[in-house]
């Protein structure tokens, strides 16, 4: 790992992917080629795929499944927020 204070060279990532985790599900979504402005880079490192281990309870799923899980999680969060607003309206204090 390399800490780069004040370093502002741009970074090009080839074969980049995003790991999306929802609960016990995860999916690596390929992103392709990314160019990142150097001023946005604070820390950079390389992932050793042979040593990378996920907890045993994590399950790999397809991109479609993880998107459905994200949507369900977002809807649950929205519902919780609307329920909280309704409860604040009642003002039980």
PDB file of N, CA and C in Angstrom:
ATOM      1  N   UNK A   1       0.840  -1.155   0.000  1.00  0.00           N
ATOM      2  CA  UNK A   1       0.000   0.000   0.000  1.00  0.00           C
ATOM      3  C   UNK A   1       0.896   1.231   0.000  1.00  0.00           C
ATOM      4  N   UNK A   2       0.414   2.257  -0.655  1.00  0.00           N
ATOM      5  CA  UNK A   2       1.220   3.453  -0.819  1.00  0.00           C
ATOM      6  C   UNK A   2       0.383   4.675  -0.454  1.00  0.00           C
ATOM      7  N   UNK A   3       0.878   5.481   0.485  1.00  0.00           N
ATOM      8  CA  UNK A   3       0.208   6.726   0.856  1.00  0.00           C
ATOM      9  C   UNK A   3       0.825   7.833   0.034  1.00  0.00           C
ATOM     10  N   UNK A   4      -0.023   8.635  -0.634  1.00  0.00           N
ATOM     11  CA  UNK A   4       0.470   9.629  -1.573  1.00  0.00           C
ATOM     12  C   UNK A   4       0.038  11.049  -1.190  1.00  0.00           C
ATOM     13  N   UNK A   5       0.642  11.647  -0.163  1.00  0.00           N
ATOM     14  CA  UNK A   5       0.239  13.010   0.202  1.00  0.00           C
ATOM     15  C   UNK A   5       0.699  14.011  -0.843  1.00  0.00           C
ATOM     16  N   UNK A   6      -0.223  14.820  -1.330  1.00  0.00           N
ATOM     17  CA  UNK A   6       0.131  15.869  -2.283  1.00  0.00           C
ATOM     18  C   UNK A   6       0.469  15.362  -3.671  1.00  0.00           C
ATOM     19  N   UNK A   7       0.315  14.085  -3.935  1.00  0.00           N
ATOM     20  CA  UNK A   7       0.620  13.502  -5.237  1.00  0.00           C
ATOM     21  C   UNK A   7      -0.589  13.656  -6.129  1.00  0.00           C
ATOM     22  N   UNK A   8      -0.419  14.153  -7.345  1.00  0.00           N
ATOM     23  CA  UNK A   8      -1.609  14.417  -8.157  1.00  0.00           C
ATOM     24  C   UNK A   8      -1.522  13.856  -9.575  1.00  0.00           C
ATOM     25  N   UNK A   9      -0.850  12.740  -9.775  1.00  0.00           N
ATOM     26  CA  UNK A   9      -0.840  12.111 -11.092  1.00  0.00           C
ATOM     27  C   UNK A   9      -2.139  11.337 -11.277  1.00  0.00           C
ATOM     28  N   UNK A  10      -2.663  11.321 -12.478  1.00  0.00           N
ATOM     29  CA  UNK A  10      -3.884  10.583 -12.748  1.00  0.00           C
ATOM     30  C   UNK A  10      -3.607   9.089 -12.719  1.00  0.00           C
ATOM     31  N   UNK A  11      -4.650   8.304 -12.463  1.00  0.00           N
ATOM     32  CA  UNK A  11      -4.531   6.849 -12.362  1.00  0.00           C
ATOM     33  C   UNK A  11      -5.438   6.229 -13.410  1.00  0.00           C
ATOM     34  N   UNK A  12      -4.930   5.240 -14.139  1.00  0.00           N
ATOM     35  CA  UNK A  12      -5.732   4.503 -15.113  1.00  0.00           C
ATOM     36  C   UNK A  12      -5.868   3.078 -14.599  1.00  0.00           C
ATOM     37  N   UNK A  13      -7.111   2.626 -14.438  1.00  0.00           N
ATOM     38  CA  UNK A  13      -7.384   1.270 -13.980  1.00  0.00           C
ATOM     39  C   UNK A  13      -7.965   0.470 -15.134  1.00  0.00           C
ATOM     40  N   UNK A  14      -7.311  -0.616 -15.477  1.00  0.00           N
ATOM     41  CA  UNK A  14      -7.801  -1.487 -16.536  1.00  0.00           C
ATOM     42  C   UNK A  14      -8.398  -2.729 -15.882  1.00  0.00           C
ATOM     43  N   UNK A  15      -9.566  -3.141 -16.327  1.00  0.00           N
ATOM     44  CA  UNK A  15     -10.212  -4.314 -15.743  1.00  0.00           C
ATOM     45  C   UNK A  15     -10.738  -4.048 -14.349  1.00  0.00           C
ATOM     46  N   UNK A  16     -11.147  -2.807 -14.089  1.00  0.00           N
ATOM     47  CA  UNK A  16     -11.663  -2.444 -12.769  1.00  0.00           C
ATOM     48  C   UNK A  16     -12.998  -3.136 -12.519  1.00  0.00           C
ATOM     49  N   UNK A  17     -13.247  -3.433 -11.249  1.00  0.00           N
ATOM     50  CA  UNK A  17     -14.553  -3.981 -10.876  1.00  0.00           C
ATOM     51  C   UNK A  17     -14.972  -3.406  -9.540  1.00  0.00           C
ATOM     52  N   UNK A  18     -16.266  -3.411  -9.311  1.00  0.00           N
ATOM     53  CA  UNK A  18     -16.834  -2.913  -8.062  1.00  0.00           C
ATOM     54  C   UNK A  18     -17.432  -4.089  -7.309  1.00  0.00           C
ATOM     55  N   UNK A  19     -17.064  -4.257  -6.044  1.00  0.00           N
ATOM     56  CA  UNK A  19     -17.664  -5.303  -5.218  1.00  0.00           C
ATOM     57  C   UNK A  19     -18.831  -4.675  -4.464  1.00  0.00           C
ATOM     58  N   UNK A  20     -20.020  -5.169  -4.766  1.00  0.00           N
ATOM     59  CA  UNK A  20     -21.233  -4.685  -4.117  1.00  0.00           C
ATOM     60  C   UNK A  20     -21.630  -5.717  -3.071  1.00  0.00           C
ATOM     61  N   UNK A  21     -21.844  -5.254  -1.833  1.00  0.00           N
ATOM     62  CA  UNK A  21     -22.216  -6.146  -0.737  1.00  0.00           C
ATOM     63  C   UNK A  21     -23.549  -5.682  -0.168  1.00  0.00           C
ATOM     64  N   UNK A  22     -24.489  -6.599  -0.097  1.00  0.00           N
ATOM     65  CA  UNK A  22     -25.794  -6.338   0.514  1.00  0.00           C
ATOM     66  C   UNK A  22     -26.064  -7.489   1.470  1.00  0.00           C
ATOM     67  N   UNK A  23     -26.020  -7.192   2.765  1.00  0.00           N
ATOM     68  CA  UNK A  23     -26.209  -8.256   3.756  1.00  0.00           C
ATOM     69  C   UNK A  23     -25.132  -9.317   3.623  1.00  0.00           C
ATOM     70  N   UNK A  24     -25.533 -10.553   3.369  1.00  0.00           N
ATOM     71  CA  UNK A  24     -24.590 -11.664   3.198  1.00  0.00           C
ATOM     72  C   UNK A  24     -24.333 -11.980   1.733  1.00  0.00           C
ATOM     73  N   UNK A  25     -24.819 -11.145   0.822  1.00  0.00           N
ATOM     74  CA  UNK A  25     -24.648 -11.367  -0.613  1.00  0.00           C
ATOM     75  C   UNK A  25     -23.599 -10.409  -1.158  1.00  0.00           C
ATOM     76  N   UNK A  26     -22.862 -10.858  -2.168  1.00  0.00           N
ATOM     77  CA  UNK A  26     -21.927  -9.956  -2.826  1.00  0.00           C
ATOM     78  C   UNK A  26     -21.828 -10.305  -4.310  1.00  0.00           C
ATOM     79  N   UNK A  27     -21.395  -9.322  -5.085  1.00  0.00           N
ATOM     80  CA  UNK A  27     -21.204  -9.511  -6.517  1.00  0.00           C
ATOM     81  C   UNK A  27     -20.086  -8.585  -6.978  1.00  0.00           C
ATOM     82  N   UNK A  28     -19.186  -9.098  -7.787  1.00  0.00           N
ATOM     83  CA  UNK A  28     -18.151  -8.270  -8.402  1.00  0.00           C
ATOM     84  C   UNK A  28     -18.648  -7.853  -9.779  1.00  0.00           C
ATOM     85  N   UNK A  29     -18.921  -6.559  -9.944  1.00  0.00           N
ATOM     86  CA  UNK A  29     -19.460  -6.035 -11.194  1.00  0.00           C
ATOM     87  C   UNK A  29     -18.323  -5.414 -11.998  1.00  0.00           C
ATOM     88  N   UNK A  30     -18.042  -5.949 -13.192  1.00  0.00           N
ATOM     89  CA  UNK A  30     -16.957  -5.396 -14.004  1.00  0.00           C
ATOM     90  C   UNK A  30     -17.288  -3.985 -14.486  1.00  0.00           C
ATOM     91  N   UNK A  31     -16.315  -3.087 -14.358  1.00  0.00           N
ATOM     92  CA  UNK A  31     -16.491  -1.701 -14.761  1.00  0.00           C
ATOM     93  C   UNK A  31     -15.676  -1.347 -15.998  1.00  0.00           C
ATOM     94  N   UNK A  32     -14.645  -2.139 -16.296  1.00  0.00           N
ATOM     95  CA  UNK A  32     -13.825  -1.861 -17.467  1.00  0.00           C
ATOM     96  C   UNK A  32     -12.702  -0.894 -17.164  1.00  0.00           C
ATOM     97  N   UNK A  33     -12.486   0.053 -18.065  1.00  0.00           N
ATOM     98  CA  UNK A  33     -11.389   1.011 -17.959  1.00  0.00           C
ATOM     99  C   UNK A  33     -11.870   2.270 -17.232  1.00  0.00           C
ATOM    100  N   UNK A  34     -11.121   2.691 -16.229  1.00  0.00           N
ATOM    101  CA  UNK A  34     -11.440   3.886 -15.454  1.00  0.00           C
ATOM    102  C   UNK A  34     -10.233   4.801 -15.404  1.00  0.00           C
ATOM    103  N   UNK A  35     -10.475   6.093 -15.549  1.00  0.00           N
ATOM    104  CA  UNK A  35      -9.434   7.108 -15.361  1.00  0.00           C
ATOM    105  C   UNK A  35      -9.852   7.933 -14.148  1.00  0.00           C
ATOM    106  N   UNK A  36      -8.961   8.023 -13.168  1.00  0.00           N
ATOM    107  CA  UNK A  36      -9.264   8.733 -11.926  1.00  0.00           C
ATOM    108  C   UNK A  36      -8.320   9.912 -11.795  1.00  0.00           C
ATOM    109  N   UNK A  37      -8.897  11.083 -11.537  1.00  0.00           N
ATOM    110  CA  UNK A  37      -8.068  12.277 -11.346  1.00  0.00           C
ATOM    111  C   UNK A  37      -7.202  12.097 -10.107  1.00  0.00           C
ATOM    112  N   UNK A  38      -5.940  12.423 -10.240  1.00  0.00           N
ATOM    113  CA  UNK A  38      -4.991  12.228  -9.152  1.00  0.00           C
ATOM    114  C   UNK A  38      -5.343  12.946  -7.872  1.00  0.00           C
ATOM    115  N   UNK A  39      -6.015  14.084  -7.973  1.00  0.00           N
ATOM    116  CA  UNK A  39      -6.370  14.831  -6.761  1.00  0.00           C
ATOM    117  C   UNK A  39      -7.400  14.086  -5.913  1.00  0.00           C
ATOM    118  N   UNK A  40      -8.044  13.048  -6.484  1.00  0.00           N
ATOM    119  CA  UNK A  40      -9.024  12.255  -5.745  1.00  0.00           C
ATOM    120  C   UNK A  40      -8.422  11.000  -5.119  1.00  0.00           C
ATOM    121  N   UNK A  41      -7.133  10.770  -5.335  1.00  0.00           N
ATOM    122  CA  UNK A  41      -6.476   9.569  -4.822  1.00  0.00           C
ATOM    123  C   UNK A  41      -5.771   9.885  -3.514  1.00  0.00           C
ATOM    124  N   UNK A  42      -6.101   9.131  -2.469  1.00  0.00           N
ATOM    125  CA  UNK A  42      -5.441   9.302  -1.177  1.00  0.00           C
ATOM    126  C   UNK A  42      -4.586   8.084  -0.884  1.00  0.00           C
ATOM    127  N   UNK A  43      -5.104   6.909  -1.207  1.00  0.00           N
ATOM    128  CA  UNK A  43      -4.435   5.663  -0.883  1.00  0.00           C
ATOM    129  C   UNK A  43      -4.584   4.724  -2.071  1.00  0.00           C
ATOM    130  N   UNK A  44      -3.526   3.995  -2.384  1.00  0.00           N
ATOM    131  CA  UNK A  44      -3.578   3.066  -3.510  1.00  0.00           C
ATOM    132  C   UNK A  44      -2.893   1.771  -3.100  1.00  0.00           C
ATOM    133  N   UNK A  45      -3.441   0.670  -3.531  1.00  0.00           N
ATOM    134  CA  UNK A  45      -2.871  -0.628  -3.195  1.00  0.00           C
ATOM    135  C   UNK A  45      -3.295  -1.669  -4.211  1.00  0.00           C
ATOM    136  N   UNK A  46      -2.684  -2.829  -4.130  1.00  0.00           N
ATOM    137  CA  UNK A  46      -3.008  -3.910  -5.045  1.00  0.00           C
ATOM    138  C   UNK A  46      -3.618  -5.053  -4.249  1.00  0.00           C
ATOM    139  N   UNK A  47      -4.648  -5.656  -4.809  1.00  0.00           N
ATOM    140  CA  UNK A  47      -5.342  -6.761  -4.175  1.00  0.00           C
ATOM    141  C   UNK A  47      -4.713  -8.067  -4.634  1.00  0.00           C
ATOM    142  N   UNK A  48      -4.320  -8.906  -3.690  1.00  0.00           N
ATOM    143  CA  UNK A  48      -3.780 -10.229  -4.014  1.00  0.00           C
ATOM    144  C   UNK A  48      -4.944 -11.213  -4.052  1.00  0.00           C
ATOM    145  N   UNK A  49      -5.387 -11.576  -5.255  1.00  0.00           N
ATOM    146  CA  UNK A  49      -6.567 -12.416  -5.405  1.00  0.00           C
ATOM    147  C   UNK A  49      -6.384 -13.809  -4.807  1.00  0.00           C
ATOM    148  N   UNK A  50      -5.139 -14.284  -4.703  1.00  0.00           N
ATOM    149  CA  UNK A  50      -4.901 -15.606  -4.120  1.00  0.00           C
ATOM    150  C   UNK A  50      -5.074 -15.583  -2.603  1.00  0.00           C
ATOM    151  N   UNK A  51      -4.818 -14.450  -1.973  1.00  0.00           N
ATOM    152  CA  UNK A  51      -4.919 -14.347  -0.523  1.00  0.00           C
ATOM    153  C   UNK A  51      -6.260 -13.782  -0.072  1.00  0.00           C
ATOM    154  N   UNK A  52      -7.011 -13.218  -1.001  1.00  0.00           N
ATOM    155  CA  UNK A  52      -8.278 -12.599  -0.642  1.00  0.00           C
ATOM    156  C   UNK A  52      -9.260 -13.657  -0.144  1.00  0.00           C
ATOM    157  N   UNK A  53      -9.797 -13.421   1.035  1.00  0.00           N
ATOM    158  CA  UNK A  53     -10.769 -14.344   1.600  1.00  0.00           C
ATOM    159  C   UNK A  53     -11.965 -13.560   2.095  1.00  0.00           C
ATOM    160  N   UNK A  54     -13.136 -14.077   1.777  1.00  0.00           N
ATOM    161  CA  UNK A  54     -14.363 -13.497   2.298  1.00  0.00           C
ATOM    162  C   UNK A  54     -14.848 -14.373   3.440  1.00  0.00           C
ATOM    163  N   UNK A  55     -15.587 -13.807   4.364  1.00  0.00           N
ATOM    164  CA  UNK A  55     -16.154 -14.642   5.420  1.00  0.00           C
ATOM    165  C   UNK A  55     -17.004 -15.770   4.818  1.00  0.00           C
ATOM    166  N   UNK A  56     -17.046 -16.904   5.483  1.00  0.00           N
ATOM    167  CA  UNK A  56     -17.727 -18.081   4.946  1.00  0.00           C
ATOM    168  C   UNK A  56     -19.225 -17.863   4.761  1.00  0.00           C
ATOM    169  N   UNK A  57     -19.820 -16.909   5.471  1.00  0.00           N
ATOM    170  CA  UNK A  57     -21.260 -16.681   5.340  1.00  0.00           C
ATOM    171  C   UNK A  57     -21.627 -15.845   4.120  1.00  0.00           C
ATOM    172  N   UNK A  58     -20.643 -15.302   3.405  1.00  0.00           N
ATOM    173  CA  UNK A  58     -20.904 -14.486   2.223  1.00  0.00           C
ATOM    174  C   UNK A  58     -21.192 -15.391   1.023  1.00  0.00           C
ATOM    175  N   UNK A  59     -22.185 -15.002   0.218  1.00  0.00           N
ATOM    176  CA  UNK A  59     -22.596 -15.785  -0.941  1.00  0.00           C
ATOM    177  C   UNK A  59     -22.467 -14.939  -2.201  1.00  0.00           C
ATOM    178  N   UNK A  60     -21.786 -15.469  -3.214  1.00  0.00           N
ATOM    179  CA  UNK A  60     -21.660 -14.778  -4.495  1.00  0.00           C
ATOM    180  C   UNK A  60     -22.960 -14.942  -5.276  1.00  0.00           C
ATOM    181  N   UNK A  61     -23.458 -13.833  -5.832  1.00  0.00           N
ATOM    182  CA  UNK A  61     -24.685 -13.861  -6.627  1.00  0.00           C
ATOM    183  C   UNK A  61     -24.455 -13.100  -7.928  1.00  0.00           C
ATOM    184  N   UNK A  62     -25.412 -13.182  -8.830  1.00  0.00           N
ATOM    185  CA  UNK A  62     -25.306 -12.486 -10.117  1.00  0.00           C
ATOM    186  C   UNK A  62     -25.560 -10.992  -9.927  1.00  0.00           C
ATOM    187  N   UNK A  63     -25.209 -10.218 -10.953  1.00  0.00           N
ATOM    188  CA  UNK A  63     -25.426  -8.775 -10.903  1.00  0.00           C
ATOM    189  C   UNK A  63     -26.916  -8.455 -10.785  1.00  0.00           C
ATOM    190  N   UNK A  64     -27.766  -9.214 -11.462  1.00  0.00           N
ATOM    191  CA  UNK A  64     -29.212  -8.985 -11.386  1.00  0.00           C
ATOM    192  C   UNK A  64     -29.724  -9.226  -9.964  1.00  0.00           C
ATOM    193  N   UNK A  65     -29.229 -10.276  -9.321  1.00  0.00           N
ATOM    194  CA  UNK A  65     -29.665 -10.584  -7.953  1.00  0.00           C
ATOM    195  C   UNK A  65     -29.211  -9.506  -6.969  1.00  0.00           C
ATOM    196  N   UNK A  66     -27.980  -9.018  -7.127  1.00  0.00           N
ATOM    197  CA  UNK A  66     -27.484  -8.005  -6.183  1.00  0.00           C
ATOM    198  C   UNK A  66     -28.239  -6.694  -6.370  1.00  0.00           C
ATOM    199  N   UNK A  67     -28.620  -6.382  -7.606  1.00  0.00           N
ATOM    200  CA  UNK A  67     -29.408  -5.168  -7.858  1.00  0.00           C
ATOM    201  C   UNK A  67     -30.790  -5.288  -7.225  1.00  0.00           C
ATOM    202  N   UNK A  68     -31.403  -6.488  -7.283  1.00  0.00           N
ATOM    203  CA  UNK A  68     -32.690  -6.699  -6.619  1.00  0.00           C
ATOM    204  C   UNK A  68     -32.539  -6.542  -5.101  1.00  0.00           C
ATOM    205  N   UNK A  69     -31.441  -7.083  -4.565  1.00  0.00           N
ATOM    206  CA  UNK A  69     -31.193  -6.975  -3.123  1.00  0.00           C
ATOM    207  C   UNK A  69     -30.973  -5.512  -2.728  1.00  0.00           C
ATOM    208  N   UNK A  70     -30.242  -4.750  -3.565  1.00  0.00           N
ATOM    209  CA  UNK A  70     -30.027  -3.324  -3.288  1.00  0.00           C
ATOM    210  C   UNK A  70     -31.354  -2.574  -3.280  1.00  0.00           C
ATOM    211  N   UNK A  71     -32.211  -2.889  -4.249  1.00  0.00           N
ATOM    212  CA  UNK A  71     -33.512  -2.224  -4.340  1.00  0.00           C
ATOM    213  C   UNK A  71     -34.350  -2.536  -3.105  1.00  0.00           C
ATOM    214  N   UNK A  72     -34.375  -3.793  -2.697  1.00  0.00           N
ATOM    215  CA  UNK A  72     -35.144  -4.189  -1.510  1.00  0.00           C
ATOM    216  C   UNK A  72     -34.609  -3.489  -0.269  1.00  0.00           C
ATOM    217  N   UNK A  73     -33.277  -3.411  -0.149  1.00  0.00           N
ATOM    218  CA  UNK A  73     -32.668  -2.739   1.004  1.00  0.00           C
ATOM    219  C   UNK A  73     -33.015  -1.257   1.012  1.00  0.00           C
ATOM    220  N   UNK A  74     -32.964  -0.624  -0.159  1.00  0.00           N
ATOM    221  CA  UNK A  74     -33.300   0.798  -0.274  1.00  0.00           C
ATOM    222  C   UNK A  74     -34.768   1.035   0.099  1.00  0.00           C
ATOM    223  N   UNK A  75     -35.669   0.161  -0.392  1.00  0.00           N
ATOM    224  CA  UNK A  75     -37.089   0.307  -0.077  1.00  0.00           C
ATOM    225  C   UNK A  75     -37.335   0.124   1.421  1.00  0.00           C
ATOM    226  N   UNK A  76     -36.640  -0.816   2.049  1.00  0.00           N
ATOM    227  CA  UNK A  76     -36.792  -1.032   3.489  1.00  0.00           C
ATOM    228  C   UNK A  76     -36.311   0.190   4.267  1.00  0.00           C
ATOM    229  N   UNK A  77     -35.204   0.792   3.828  1.00  0.00           N
ATOM    230  CA  UNK A  77     -34.678   1.989   4.476  1.00  0.00           C
ATOM    231  C   UNK A  77     -35.645   3.149   4.321  1.00  0.00           C
ATOM    232  N   UNK A  78     -36.213   3.296   3.111  1.00  0.00           N
ATOM    233  CA  UNK A  78     -37.189   4.362   2.876  1.00  0.00           C
ATOM    234  C   UNK A  78     -38.421   4.170   3.753  1.00  0.00           C
ATOM    235  N   UNK A  79     -38.886   2.923   3.875  1.00  0.00           N
ATOM    236  CA  UNK A  79     -40.055   2.634   4.707  1.00  0.00           C
ATOM    237  C   UNK A  79     -39.771   2.956   6.169  1.00  0.00           C
ATOM    238  N   UNK A  80     -38.566   2.580   6.619  1.00  0.00           N
ATOM    239  CA  UNK A  80     -38.189   2.864   8.005  1.00  0.00           C
ATOM    240  C   UNK A  80     -38.174   4.374   8.250  1.00  0.00           C
ATOM    241  N   UNK A  81     -37.664   5.138   7.278  1.00  0.00           N
ATOM    242  CA  UNK A  81     -37.629   6.597   7.404  1.00  0.00           C
ATOM    243  C   UNK A  81     -39.021   7.188   7.445  1.00  0.00           C
ATOM    244  N   UNK A  82     -39.927   6.684   6.603  1.00  0.00           N
ATOM    245  CA  UNK A  82     -41.292   7.226   6.600  1.00  0.00           C
ATOM    246  C   UNK A  82     -42.022   6.845   7.889  1.00  0.00           C
ATOM    247  N   UNK A  83     -41.762   5.649   8.417  1.00  0.00           N
ATOM    248  CA  UNK A  83     -42.376   5.241   9.678  1.00  0.00           C
ATOM    249  C   UNK A  83     -41.871   6.132  10.819  1.00  0.00           C
ATOM    250  N   UNK A  84     -40.577   6.457  10.788  1.00  0.00           N
ATOM    251  CA  UNK A  84     -40.005   7.325  11.825  1.00  0.00           C
ATOM    252  C   UNK A  84     -40.656   8.708  11.776  1.00  0.00           C
ATOM    253  N   UNK A  85     -40.883   9.225  10.566  1.00  0.00           N
ATOM    254  CA  UNK A  85     -41.528  10.535  10.426  1.00  0.00           C
ATOM    255  C   UNK A  85     -42.942  10.495  10.992  1.00  0.00           C
ATOM    256  N   UNK A  86     -43.654   9.401  10.742  1.00  0.00           N
ATOM    257  CA  UNK A  86     -45.016   9.275  11.276  1.00  0.00           C
ATOM    258  C   UNK A  86     -44.996   9.224  12.803  1.00  0.00           C
ATOM    259  N   UNK A  87     -44.033   8.519  13.352  1.00  0.00           N
ATOM    260  CA  UNK A  87     -43.926   8.421  14.802  1.00  0.00           C
ATOM    261  C   UNK A  87     -43.560   9.775  15.409  1.00  0.00           C
ATOM    262  N   UNK A  88     -42.701  10.549  14.750  1.00  0.00           N
ATOM    263  CA  UNK A  88     -42.358  11.884  15.236  1.00  0.00           C
ATOM    264  C   UNK A  88     -43.582  12.787  15.230  1.00  0.00           C
ATOM    265  N   UNK A  89     -44.457  12.582  14.248  1.00  0.00           N
ATOM    266  CA  UNK A  89     -45.674  13.364  14.158  1.00  0.00           C
ATOM    267  C   UNK A  89     -46.553  13.145  15.395  1.00  0.00           C
ATOM    268  N   UNK A  90     -46.567  11.903  15.889  1.00  0.00           N
ATOM    269  CA  UNK A  90     -47.377  11.591  17.058  1.00  0.00           C
ATOM    270  C   UNK A  90     -46.801  12.203  18.334  1.00  0.00           C
ATOM    271  N   UNK A  91     -45.501  12.442  18.360  1.00  0.00           N
ATOM    272  CA  UNK A  91     -44.794  13.111  19.448  1.00  0.00           C
ATOM    273  C   UNK A  91     -45.127  12.501  20.813  1.00  0.00           C
ATOM    274  N   UNK A  92     -44.570  11.332  21.068  1.00  0.00           N
ATOM    275  CA  UNK A  92     -44.821  10.603  22.303  1.00  0.00           C
ATOM    276  C   UNK A  92     -44.077  11.149  23.511  1.00  0.00           C
ATOM    277  N   UNK A  93     -43.264  12.175  23.348  1.00  0.00           N
ATOM    278  CA  UNK A  93     -42.483  12.710  24.479  1.00  0.00           C
ATOM    279  C   UNK A  93     -43.315  13.401  25.495  1.00  0.00           C
TER     280      UNK A  93
END
